[in-house]
């Protein structure tokens, strides 16, 4: 099972090291001591806690939807041309880019600073592993 130093866990959760330490100190997630004697979080525990953060971020019920992956975030950039719009969002530590019709972007009044939900439905999701140091 991989473990992550507090600083890495904080980066993955999209918060400061101090916030991650406070959360650990208050029992929101458990830590272990790694081989170097540093405080760390086991991967499964980090995944469990990250899921609870995602659940708290839900904006409320949706009348109907087939997509199960909903990420709450803030619009950071909108580039429009005559037909299409490119919308960039920051959802925690993740940057998402969506291409949609300009008409849709205009109807939603998308602009930087707008709170939005990225609803993702895909039959093709690539999963990668980062290089180990």
N, C-alpha and C. Protein backbone atom coordinates (compact mmCIF):
# COMPACT_ATOMS: atom_id res chain seq x y z
N UNK A 1 0.85 -1.18 0.00
CA UNK A 1 0.00 0.00 0.00
C UNK A 1 0.89 1.24 0.00
N UNK A 2 0.68 2.14 -0.96
CA UNK A 2 1.49 3.36 -0.97
C UNK A 2 1.10 4.28 0.19
N UNK A 3 2.07 5.04 0.66
CA UNK A 3 1.80 6.06 1.66
C UNK A 3 2.26 7.40 1.10
N UNK A 4 1.64 8.47 1.59
CA UNK A 4 1.93 9.81 1.11
C UNK A 4 2.29 10.71 2.29
N UNK A 5 3.44 11.38 2.22
CA UNK A 5 3.75 12.36 3.27
C UNK A 5 2.63 13.41 3.33
N UNK A 6 2.48 14.02 4.48
CA UNK A 6 1.40 15.01 4.67
C UNK A 6 1.41 16.07 3.57
N UNK A 7 2.58 16.54 3.18
CA UNK A 7 2.64 17.58 2.14
C UNK A 7 2.07 17.07 0.82
N UNK A 8 2.37 15.83 0.46
CA UNK A 8 1.84 15.26 -0.78
C UNK A 8 0.33 15.04 -0.66
N UNK A 9 -0.11 14.57 0.50
CA UNK A 9 -1.55 14.36 0.73
C UNK A 9 -2.28 15.69 0.59
N UNK A 10 -1.72 16.74 1.17
CA UNK A 10 -2.33 18.07 1.09
C UNK A 10 -2.46 18.51 -0.36
N UNK A 11 -1.39 18.32 -1.13
CA UNK A 11 -1.41 18.71 -2.55
C UNK A 11 -2.49 17.95 -3.30
N UNK A 12 -2.63 16.65 -3.03
CA UNK A 12 -3.64 15.85 -3.71
C UNK A 12 -5.06 16.24 -3.31
N UNK A 13 -5.21 16.73 -2.08
CA UNK A 13 -6.53 17.17 -1.60
C UNK A 13 -6.83 18.61 -1.98
N UNK A 14 -5.81 19.33 -2.47
CA UNK A 14 -6.01 20.71 -2.87
C UNK A 14 -6.06 21.69 -1.71
N UNK A 15 -5.35 21.36 -0.61
CA UNK A 15 -5.32 22.23 0.57
C UNK A 15 -3.87 22.47 0.99
N UNK A 16 -3.68 23.34 1.98
CA UNK A 16 -2.33 23.61 2.49
C UNK A 16 -1.87 22.48 3.40
N UNK A 17 -0.56 22.40 3.60
CA UNK A 17 -0.01 21.41 4.54
C UNK A 17 -0.62 21.59 5.92
N UNK A 18 -0.77 22.84 6.36
CA UNK A 18 -1.32 23.12 7.68
C UNK A 18 -2.75 22.60 7.81
N UNK A 19 -3.55 22.79 6.77
CA UNK A 19 -4.93 22.30 6.80
C UNK A 19 -4.94 20.78 6.90
N UNK A 20 -4.10 20.12 6.13
CA UNK A 20 -4.03 18.65 6.18
C UNK A 20 -3.62 18.19 7.58
N UNK A 21 -2.65 18.86 8.18
CA UNK A 21 -2.23 18.49 9.54
C UNK A 21 -3.36 18.70 10.54
N UNK A 22 -4.08 19.80 10.43
CA UNK A 22 -5.21 20.05 11.33
C UNK A 22 -6.28 18.98 11.17
N UNK A 23 -6.57 18.61 9.92
CA UNK A 23 -7.55 17.56 9.68
C UNK A 23 -7.10 16.24 10.31
N UNK A 24 -5.83 15.91 10.16
CA UNK A 24 -5.31 14.68 10.75
C UNK A 24 -5.37 14.75 12.28
N UNK A 25 -4.97 15.89 12.84
CA UNK A 25 -5.00 16.06 14.30
C UNK A 25 -6.41 15.96 14.86
N UNK A 26 -7.40 16.39 14.09
CA UNK A 26 -8.78 16.35 14.57
C UNK A 26 -9.45 15.00 14.29
N UNK A 27 -8.71 14.07 13.66
CA UNK A 27 -9.24 12.72 13.43
C UNK A 27 -10.03 12.55 12.15
N UNK A 28 -9.97 13.53 11.26
CA UNK A 28 -10.72 13.40 10.00
C UNK A 28 -10.13 12.30 9.11
N UNK A 29 -8.82 12.11 9.22
CA UNK A 29 -8.19 10.95 8.59
C UNK A 29 -7.02 10.51 9.45
N UNK A 30 -6.70 9.22 9.35
CA UNK A 30 -5.64 8.65 10.17
C UNK A 30 -4.30 8.75 9.48
N UNK A 31 -3.26 8.88 10.28
CA UNK A 31 -1.91 8.92 9.74
C UNK A 31 -1.10 7.76 10.29
N UNK A 32 0.02 7.50 9.64
CA UNK A 32 0.97 6.47 10.07
C UNK A 32 2.35 7.12 10.08
N UNK A 33 3.31 6.42 10.57
CA UNK A 33 4.69 6.89 10.53
C UNK A 33 5.40 6.09 9.44
N UNK A 34 5.98 6.79 8.45
CA UNK A 34 6.65 6.09 7.36
C UNK A 34 8.05 5.63 7.77
N UNK A 35 8.76 4.98 6.84
CA UNK A 35 10.09 4.44 7.14
C UNK A 35 11.08 5.51 7.57
N UNK A 36 10.86 6.75 7.12
CA UNK A 36 11.75 7.85 7.48
C UNK A 36 11.36 8.52 8.80
N UNK A 37 10.34 7.98 9.47
CA UNK A 37 9.90 8.54 10.74
C UNK A 37 9.00 9.76 10.58
N UNK A 38 8.52 10.00 9.35
CA UNK A 38 7.64 11.14 9.10
C UNK A 38 6.18 10.71 9.11
N UNK A 39 5.34 11.65 9.41
CA UNK A 39 3.91 11.40 9.39
C UNK A 39 3.44 11.27 7.94
N UNK A 40 2.61 10.27 7.69
CA UNK A 40 2.15 10.02 6.33
C UNK A 40 0.72 9.49 6.37
N UNK A 41 0.12 9.40 5.20
CA UNK A 41 -1.25 8.89 5.08
C UNK A 41 -1.21 7.71 4.11
N UNK A 42 -1.81 6.59 4.52
CA UNK A 42 -1.89 5.45 3.61
C UNK A 42 -2.82 5.81 2.46
N UNK A 43 -2.52 5.28 1.28
CA UNK A 43 -3.28 5.59 0.08
C UNK A 43 -4.77 5.33 0.22
N UNK A 44 -5.14 4.18 0.80
CA UNK A 44 -6.56 3.85 0.95
C UNK A 44 -7.26 4.85 1.87
N UNK A 45 -6.59 5.26 2.92
CA UNK A 45 -7.17 6.24 3.85
C UNK A 45 -7.32 7.59 3.17
N UNK A 46 -6.34 7.98 2.38
CA UNK A 46 -6.41 9.24 1.66
C UNK A 46 -7.58 9.21 0.66
N UNK A 47 -7.74 8.09 -0.03
CA UNK A 47 -8.84 7.95 -0.98
C UNK A 47 -10.19 8.02 -0.26
N UNK A 48 -10.29 7.38 0.88
CA UNK A 48 -11.54 7.41 1.66
C UNK A 48 -11.88 8.84 2.05
N UNK A 49 -10.89 9.55 2.56
CA UNK A 49 -11.14 10.92 3.00
C UNK A 49 -11.46 11.83 1.83
N UNK A 50 -10.74 11.69 0.72
CA UNK A 50 -11.00 12.51 -0.46
C UNK A 50 -12.44 12.32 -0.94
N UNK A 51 -12.94 11.10 -0.83
CA UNK A 51 -14.32 10.82 -1.22
C UNK A 51 -15.30 11.57 -0.33
N UNK A 52 -15.00 11.67 0.97
CA UNK A 52 -15.90 12.41 1.87
C UNK A 52 -15.90 13.89 1.51
N UNK A 53 -14.76 14.43 1.08
CA UNK A 53 -14.72 15.83 0.66
C UNK A 53 -15.58 16.04 -0.57
N UNK A 54 -15.53 15.11 -1.50
CA UNK A 54 -16.33 15.21 -2.72
C UNK A 54 -17.81 15.17 -2.38
N UNK A 55 -18.20 14.33 -1.42
CA UNK A 55 -19.60 14.24 -1.03
C UNK A 55 -20.08 15.54 -0.42
N UNK A 56 -19.24 16.19 0.38
CA UNK A 56 -19.63 17.46 0.99
C UNK A 56 -19.76 18.55 -0.05
N UNK A 57 -19.06 18.42 -1.17
CA UNK A 57 -19.09 19.46 -2.19
C UNK A 57 -20.28 19.39 -3.11
N UNK A 58 -21.10 18.37 -2.96
CA UNK A 58 -22.26 18.25 -3.83
C UNK A 58 -23.17 19.47 -3.65
N UNK A 59 -23.61 20.09 -4.73
CA UNK A 59 -24.41 21.30 -4.65
C UNK A 59 -25.88 21.04 -4.31
N UNK A 60 -26.31 19.82 -4.35
CA UNK A 60 -27.71 19.51 -4.06
C UNK A 60 -28.24 18.50 -5.05
N UNK A 61 -29.47 18.12 -4.87
CA UNK A 61 -30.04 17.08 -5.73
C UNK A 61 -30.26 17.57 -7.15
N UNK A 62 -30.17 16.62 -8.06
CA UNK A 62 -30.45 16.86 -9.47
C UNK A 62 -31.72 16.10 -9.78
N UNK A 63 -32.58 16.65 -10.59
CA UNK A 63 -33.84 16.00 -10.90
C UNK A 63 -33.58 14.66 -11.59
N UNK A 64 -32.75 14.65 -12.61
CA UNK A 64 -32.38 13.42 -13.29
C UNK A 64 -31.03 13.59 -13.94
N UNK A 65 -30.23 12.53 -13.89
CA UNK A 65 -28.94 12.53 -14.58
C UNK A 65 -28.43 11.11 -14.67
N UNK A 66 -27.76 10.81 -15.76
CA UNK A 66 -27.16 9.48 -15.88
C UNK A 66 -25.69 9.51 -15.51
N UNK A 67 -25.07 10.67 -15.56
CA UNK A 67 -23.65 10.78 -15.21
C UNK A 67 -23.49 10.66 -13.70
N UNK A 68 -22.48 9.95 -13.25
CA UNK A 68 -22.24 9.75 -11.83
C UNK A 68 -21.05 10.56 -11.32
N UNK A 69 -20.26 11.09 -12.21
CA UNK A 69 -19.06 11.83 -11.83
C UNK A 69 -19.33 13.32 -11.95
N UNK A 70 -19.63 13.94 -10.80
CA UNK A 70 -19.95 15.37 -10.78
C UNK A 70 -18.91 16.07 -9.92
N UNK A 71 -18.22 17.04 -10.51
CA UNK A 71 -17.18 17.77 -9.80
C UNK A 71 -17.58 19.23 -9.70
N UNK A 72 -17.65 19.73 -8.48
CA UNK A 72 -17.99 21.13 -8.26
C UNK A 72 -16.71 21.95 -8.40
N UNK A 73 -16.80 23.05 -9.11
CA UNK A 73 -15.62 23.88 -9.30
C UNK A 73 -15.98 25.29 -9.70
N UNK A 74 -14.98 26.03 -10.04
CA UNK A 74 -15.16 27.42 -10.43
C UNK A 74 -14.61 27.60 -11.85
N UNK A 75 -15.35 28.33 -12.65
CA UNK A 75 -14.91 28.61 -14.02
C UNK A 75 -13.74 29.58 -13.94
N UNK A 76 -12.65 29.23 -14.62
CA UNK A 76 -11.45 30.08 -14.60
C UNK A 76 -11.21 30.81 -15.92
N UNK A 77 -11.78 30.28 -17.01
CA UNK A 77 -11.54 30.91 -18.31
C UNK A 77 -12.60 30.43 -19.30
N UNK A 78 -13.07 31.33 -20.15
CA UNK A 78 -14.01 30.97 -21.22
C UNK A 78 -13.51 31.64 -22.49
N UNK A 79 -13.27 30.84 -23.52
CA UNK A 79 -12.85 31.36 -24.82
C UNK A 79 -13.95 31.02 -25.81
N UNK A 80 -14.55 32.06 -26.39
CA UNK A 80 -15.66 31.88 -27.33
C UNK A 80 -15.23 32.26 -28.74
N UNK A 81 -15.73 31.52 -29.73
CA UNK A 81 -15.63 31.98 -31.11
C UNK A 81 -17.06 32.03 -31.64
N UNK A 82 -17.26 32.01 -32.93
CA UNK A 82 -18.62 32.16 -33.46
C UNK A 82 -19.49 30.93 -33.25
N UNK A 83 -18.87 29.76 -33.11
CA UNK A 83 -19.65 28.52 -33.00
C UNK A 83 -19.41 27.78 -31.68
N UNK A 84 -18.17 27.75 -31.22
CA UNK A 84 -17.81 26.93 -30.06
C UNK A 84 -17.28 27.79 -28.91
N UNK A 85 -17.24 27.15 -27.72
CA UNK A 85 -16.64 27.79 -26.54
C UNK A 85 -15.79 26.75 -25.83
N UNK A 86 -14.65 27.20 -25.34
CA UNK A 86 -13.78 26.36 -24.51
C UNK A 86 -13.89 26.90 -23.10
N UNK A 87 -14.33 26.04 -22.17
CA UNK A 87 -14.55 26.45 -20.79
C UNK A 87 -13.56 25.69 -19.90
N UNK A 88 -12.78 26.45 -19.13
CA UNK A 88 -11.84 25.84 -18.19
C UNK A 88 -12.37 26.01 -16.78
N UNK A 89 -12.23 24.94 -15.99
CA UNK A 89 -12.69 24.95 -14.60
C UNK A 89 -11.60 24.41 -13.70
N UNK A 90 -11.57 24.88 -12.47
CA UNK A 90 -10.70 24.33 -11.44
C UNK A 90 -11.60 23.65 -10.43
N UNK A 91 -11.47 22.34 -10.30
CA UNK A 91 -12.26 21.54 -9.37
C UNK A 91 -11.28 20.93 -8.37
N UNK A 92 -11.08 21.60 -7.24
CA UNK A 92 -10.05 21.17 -6.30
C UNK A 92 -8.71 21.27 -7.00
N UNK A 93 -7.91 20.21 -6.92
CA UNK A 93 -6.60 20.27 -7.56
C UNK A 93 -6.65 19.97 -9.07
N UNK A 94 -7.83 19.69 -9.60
CA UNK A 94 -7.95 19.27 -10.99
C UNK A 94 -8.43 20.40 -11.89
N UNK A 95 -7.76 20.54 -13.04
CA UNK A 95 -8.17 21.49 -14.07
C UNK A 95 -8.91 20.70 -15.13
N UNK A 96 -10.12 21.14 -15.46
CA UNK A 96 -10.92 20.48 -16.49
C UNK A 96 -11.17 21.45 -17.62
N UNK A 97 -11.23 20.93 -18.84
CA UNK A 97 -11.51 21.74 -20.01
C UNK A 97 -12.69 21.11 -20.73
N UNK A 98 -13.69 21.91 -21.04
CA UNK A 98 -14.87 21.43 -21.75
C UNK A 98 -15.05 22.22 -23.03
N UNK A 99 -15.38 21.52 -24.10
CA UNK A 99 -15.73 22.17 -25.36
C UNK A 99 -17.23 22.04 -25.53
N UNK A 100 -17.89 23.15 -25.81
CA UNK A 100 -19.34 23.15 -25.99
C UNK A 100 -19.71 24.20 -27.01
N UNK A 101 -20.96 24.19 -27.39
CA UNK A 101 -21.40 25.23 -28.33
C UNK A 101 -21.36 26.59 -27.64
N UNK A 102 -21.13 27.61 -28.43
CA UNK A 102 -21.16 28.96 -27.87
C UNK A 102 -22.54 29.25 -27.31
N UNK A 103 -23.56 28.76 -27.99
CA UNK A 103 -24.93 28.97 -27.53
C UNK A 103 -25.12 28.42 -26.11
N UNK A 104 -24.59 27.23 -25.84
CA UNK A 104 -24.72 26.64 -24.51
C UNK A 104 -23.98 27.48 -23.47
N UNK A 105 -22.76 27.91 -23.79
CA UNK A 105 -21.98 28.73 -22.86
C UNK A 105 -22.69 30.05 -22.59
N UNK A 106 -23.29 30.63 -23.61
CA UNK A 106 -24.01 31.89 -23.43
C UNK A 106 -25.27 31.69 -22.59
N UNK A 107 -26.02 30.61 -22.85
CA UNK A 107 -27.23 30.34 -22.07
C UNK A 107 -26.92 30.13 -20.59
N UNK A 108 -25.77 29.50 -20.31
CA UNK A 108 -25.36 29.27 -18.93
C UNK A 108 -24.67 30.50 -18.32
N UNK A 109 -24.43 31.52 -19.12
CA UNK A 109 -23.75 32.74 -18.69
C UNK A 109 -22.40 32.42 -18.04
N UNK A 110 -21.66 31.51 -18.69
CA UNK A 110 -20.37 31.10 -18.14
C UNK A 110 -19.33 32.19 -18.32
N UNK A 111 -18.65 32.49 -17.23
CA UNK A 111 -17.57 33.46 -17.22
C UNK A 111 -16.71 33.15 -16.01
N UNK A 112 -15.47 33.65 -15.97
CA UNK A 112 -14.61 33.39 -14.82
C UNK A 112 -15.29 33.81 -13.52
N UNK A 113 -15.18 32.92 -12.52
CA UNK A 113 -15.76 33.19 -11.21
C UNK A 113 -17.09 32.51 -10.97
N UNK A 114 -17.72 31.97 -12.01
CA UNK A 114 -19.01 31.31 -11.86
C UNK A 114 -18.81 29.92 -11.25
N UNK A 115 -19.60 29.59 -10.23
CA UNK A 115 -19.59 28.25 -9.64
C UNK A 115 -20.35 27.34 -10.59
N UNK A 116 -19.76 26.19 -10.92
CA UNK A 116 -20.37 25.29 -11.89
C UNK A 116 -20.10 23.85 -11.50
N UNK A 117 -20.78 22.95 -12.15
CA UNK A 117 -20.60 21.52 -11.92
C UNK A 117 -20.14 20.88 -13.23
N UNK A 118 -19.03 20.17 -13.19
CA UNK A 118 -18.58 19.41 -14.34
C UNK A 118 -19.17 18.01 -14.19
N UNK A 119 -20.08 17.66 -15.05
CA UNK A 119 -20.73 16.36 -15.01
C UNK A 119 -20.10 15.52 -16.12
N UNK A 120 -19.41 14.46 -15.73
CA UNK A 120 -18.60 13.70 -16.68
C UNK A 120 -19.20 12.31 -16.88
N UNK A 121 -19.44 11.98 -18.14
CA UNK A 121 -19.89 10.63 -18.47
C UNK A 121 -19.06 10.20 -19.65
N UNK A 122 -18.34 9.12 -19.46
CA UNK A 122 -17.45 8.68 -20.51
C UNK A 122 -17.31 7.17 -20.47
N UNK A 123 -17.25 6.58 -21.62
CA UNK A 123 -16.99 5.14 -21.69
C UNK A 123 -15.51 4.88 -21.84
N UNK A 124 -14.72 5.94 -21.95
CA UNK A 124 -13.28 5.79 -22.12
C UNK A 124 -12.56 6.71 -21.14
N UNK A 125 -12.07 6.15 -20.05
CA UNK A 125 -11.32 6.91 -19.06
C UNK A 125 -9.94 6.29 -18.95
N UNK A 126 -8.91 7.09 -19.16
CA UNK A 126 -7.53 6.60 -19.09
C UNK A 126 -7.05 6.74 -17.65
N UNK A 127 -6.50 5.69 -17.08
CA UNK A 127 -5.93 5.72 -15.74
C UNK A 127 -4.42 5.55 -15.88
N UNK A 128 -3.66 6.46 -15.29
CA UNK A 128 -2.20 6.42 -15.39
C UNK A 128 -1.59 6.36 -13.99
N UNK A 129 -0.37 5.88 -13.92
CA UNK A 129 0.39 5.89 -12.67
C UNK A 129 1.58 6.82 -12.86
N UNK A 130 1.83 7.68 -11.86
CA UNK A 130 2.97 8.58 -11.99
C UNK A 130 4.28 7.84 -11.79
N UNK A 131 5.38 8.40 -12.33
CA UNK A 131 6.68 7.81 -12.15
C UNK A 131 7.07 7.87 -10.68
N UNK A 132 7.69 6.81 -10.20
CA UNK A 132 8.14 6.77 -8.81
C UNK A 132 9.54 7.32 -8.71
N UNK A 133 9.80 8.17 -7.71
CA UNK A 133 11.15 8.76 -7.59
C UNK A 133 12.19 7.71 -7.25
